[in-house]
Protein backbone atom coordinates (compact mmCIF):
# COMPACT_ATOMS: atom_id res chain seq x y z
CA UNK A 1 89.73 67.23 101.93
CA UNK A 2 89.32 71.17 101.92
CA UNK A 3 86.40 72.50 102.56
CA UNK A 4 84.38 75.31 100.19
CA UNK A 5 82.62 76.42 102.71
CA UNK A 6 85.25 77.83 104.40
CA UNK A 7 88.04 77.77 101.28
CA UNK A 8 84.90 80.64 100.56
CA UNK A 9 84.49 82.38 103.77
CA UNK A 10 88.64 82.95 103.45
CA UNK A 11 88.56 84.23 100.58
CA UNK A 12 85.15 86.44 100.33
CA UNK A 13 86.65 87.69 103.92
CA UNK A 14 90.18 88.56 102.18
CA UNK A 15 88.83 89.95 99.87
CA UNK A 16 86.31 92.06 102.08
CA UNK A 17 89.49 92.66 103.49
CA UNK A 18 90.91 94.26 100.21
CA UNK A 19 88.02 96.16 99.66
CA UNK A 20 87.68 98.55 102.85
CA UNK A 21 91.85 99.36 102.43
CA UNK A 22 91.22 100.27 98.95
CA UNK A 23 88.04 102.91 100.26
CA UNK A 24 90.62 104.09 102.75
CA UNK A 25 90.60 108.34 101.06
CA UNK A 26 94.28 108.24 102.59
CA UNK A 27 95.29 105.71 99.97
CA UNK A 28 95.61 109.44 97.89
CA UNK A 29 97.53 111.19 99.60
CA UNK A 30 100.60 111.92 99.21
CA UNK A 31 101.46 114.25 101.96
CA UNK A 32 104.28 112.77 104.18
CA UNK A 33 103.58 113.28 108.36
CA UNK A 34 105.49 116.13 109.91
CA UNK A 35 107.89 115.66 111.76
CA UNK A 36 106.26 117.90 114.90
CA UNK A 37 103.39 115.99 115.45
CA UNK A 38 102.21 113.83 117.80
CA UNK A 39 102.29 110.22 117.52
CA UNK A 40 99.62 107.86 117.58
CA UNK A 41 101.12 105.12 120.43
CA UNK A 42 102.88 106.10 123.20
CA UNK A 43 105.85 108.74 123.67
CA UNK A 44 108.48 108.23 121.11
């Protein structure tokens, strides 16, 4: 039997993650990154 605390905890964490993602200001931006922009990771 699944413990209701663990089920509630995982759903609460998923809700928190979705809330944080929806609060990001770059989600409203439709600009694409420039081709000559410095990459964030590595030297590709």
